[in-house]
Each structure stands twice: as structure tokens, then as C-alpha cells.
């Protein structure tokens, strides 16, 4: 069984993230969306909120599991019997960092492979940070996020 882990902060989860998960679930038997606690990044949404959003979005996909984690990603993958790490590449600038990360992960755990996926063209420019910025300034992010994320963003901004 091929289990893949798609790690990230997902603050918030965008259509680019959703696209990658859907495509990864066609390639692998199981996909774990591993939401990093990332307290140092001061996320807009708590870890619990991000997990809840992911669970709602993928509620109908039995191949997708959404969990939170902290610590080393390779340890998380081993603990969850996963041997594939999914990484998204939006633009060429992402590659250098992701390549370095993949090599570091391989050095720590040679049995875990990194697989790079690119989002559909219409999602290639979307980032969580841009979505948050636009939403907090009153802009319309409807086409950049799932309706579940949109509702959570609107609630968060109201409060």
C-alpha cells in the first residue's frame, strides 16, 4: 500500500491545495494531509480549525485523512507508515527550496521519497498568504478557496 503525506500549514487551505490532494489521491492508495502546527508562523487559524476545515472539504473522500502534527516530517511519515512526501511546486522559485528540503529529508530517511506535483494552471499563482491578505482587506477570494474555507475566512475576519 502506497501512503503519501502532503504536509503544510494550510493557513488557509486553497484551491491549489485541494487540487493537489485530489490528484495525489488518484496516484496513491491513501493521502494524509499533515497540517503543521507552525506556531512560529503565527497562523490565522488554529491547528484545530485548519484540521476541521480540511476534514470538511475532504469528508467524502475515504482515501484522504487530515491530521495535525509537530516535529520532524520524516518521523511523522514513519509513524504513519507513509513512504511518499507530496510537495507542491507553483513557480520555479519554489523548486530551489523544495529540492533542498527533499535532499535533507532523504539524508535523514532514505526510504522516504519526495514527489513534486504542480497545480492546475488556474491555481498556480494562489498562495495562502495572498488569500489571507486579500480577504482581510475586503477582497473577494471566492474563486481561490473552497466554500468551506471561504466561510471560515469570513467568520474569522468578522471576529
Foldseek 3Di string as FASTA:
>chain_A
DAEEEEEDQPLDPWVQNVQQVVVVVVVGQAYEDEHEQPVVVVRLDGLVVRQVLVCVVCVPPPRYHYDYDYDDPLVVCVVVVHQEYEDEALDPVVVVVVVVVQVVSCVVPVSHHYDYDYGPNVQSPDDSVVLLVCVLVPHDCPNTHDPSVVVVSVVSSVD
